[in-house]
Amino acid sequence: MVQASAYQLILDRKLGEYVIPEGWAIFAAGNREGDRGVTYAMPAPLANRFTHYDVEANLDDWVGWALDAGIDERVLGFLRFRPDLLFNYDAAHNPVAFPSPRSWEYAHRALQKFSDRPDLLGDALQACVGQACGVELKAFIDNLENLPDIDGILNGTVTDVPKGIDLQYGVAAALVRRARESAAHGEAGLEKLGHILNYARHYPQREMGVMLVTDLHRAVGQPLFRVPQFVEWANSVAELMLYDFKPTV
């Protein structure tokens, strides 16, 4: 009955004497029926009054939000390493905990809360994103102890890139977070950005360096284009055509 009462509202943009103002749009959002998300079938007349889109989680968009929200860089590094786990839900198994953009924020909170309780951290992560994913995340975090000296990279004295792909993602996420923290520090901050750009050129797979600089741009914005090393880095990957920077003059 509630859905039927929306027929006129959706089609004619009015309900009785009430008229929707100009410039307003009507959106409806919900889970798919196959997701077992407490859904009700939409009557055909109401469905025909909408245009329908399936929306998927996008890692680049989520990373942009996560950088603004201060999400732990270990979560960002892990998801760059395992992008398929940003959202991994199988309705047939009806899981209680599973990885999703929502539950990765829970994992971030667990990392803050249990950082000094390694005996509880593993179970807490599994409670947030599911058993298999939680175990993998904990192993990834434990291996980050082998990261190179981040301060050394920022001051230009360390250029070695770790051999492990997981560590390469981990160091990229750590550099992006540190760059965001130092972006407001004037010339000193720009100098650190320059060292990060130099470091990005040392990645064995240049696509990894592109990913690092892309996230760096999301984190610090236009100041990145004022760094002299940016032009050198851009020239070194120009043929890849994998980035979409739009510097302003």
Foldseek 3Di string as FASTA:
>chain_A
DVLVQCLCCLQVQARVPGHHDPPDDDDDDDDDPLQPPPDDDRDPSSVVSDDDDDDDDDLVVLLLVCLVVVQDLLLNLVCVVVVVQCFDDDSVVVDPAAHHSVLSSQLSVLCVVCVVPPVCNLVSQCNRHHNVVSVVSNVLVVVLVPADDLVCLLQQNDQDQDPDPSNLSSSLSVLLNVLLVCLPVPPSSLSSLLSLLVSLVSPPDNVSSVVSVQSNCSRNPQSSVVRPNVVVSCVVCVVVPPDDDDHDD
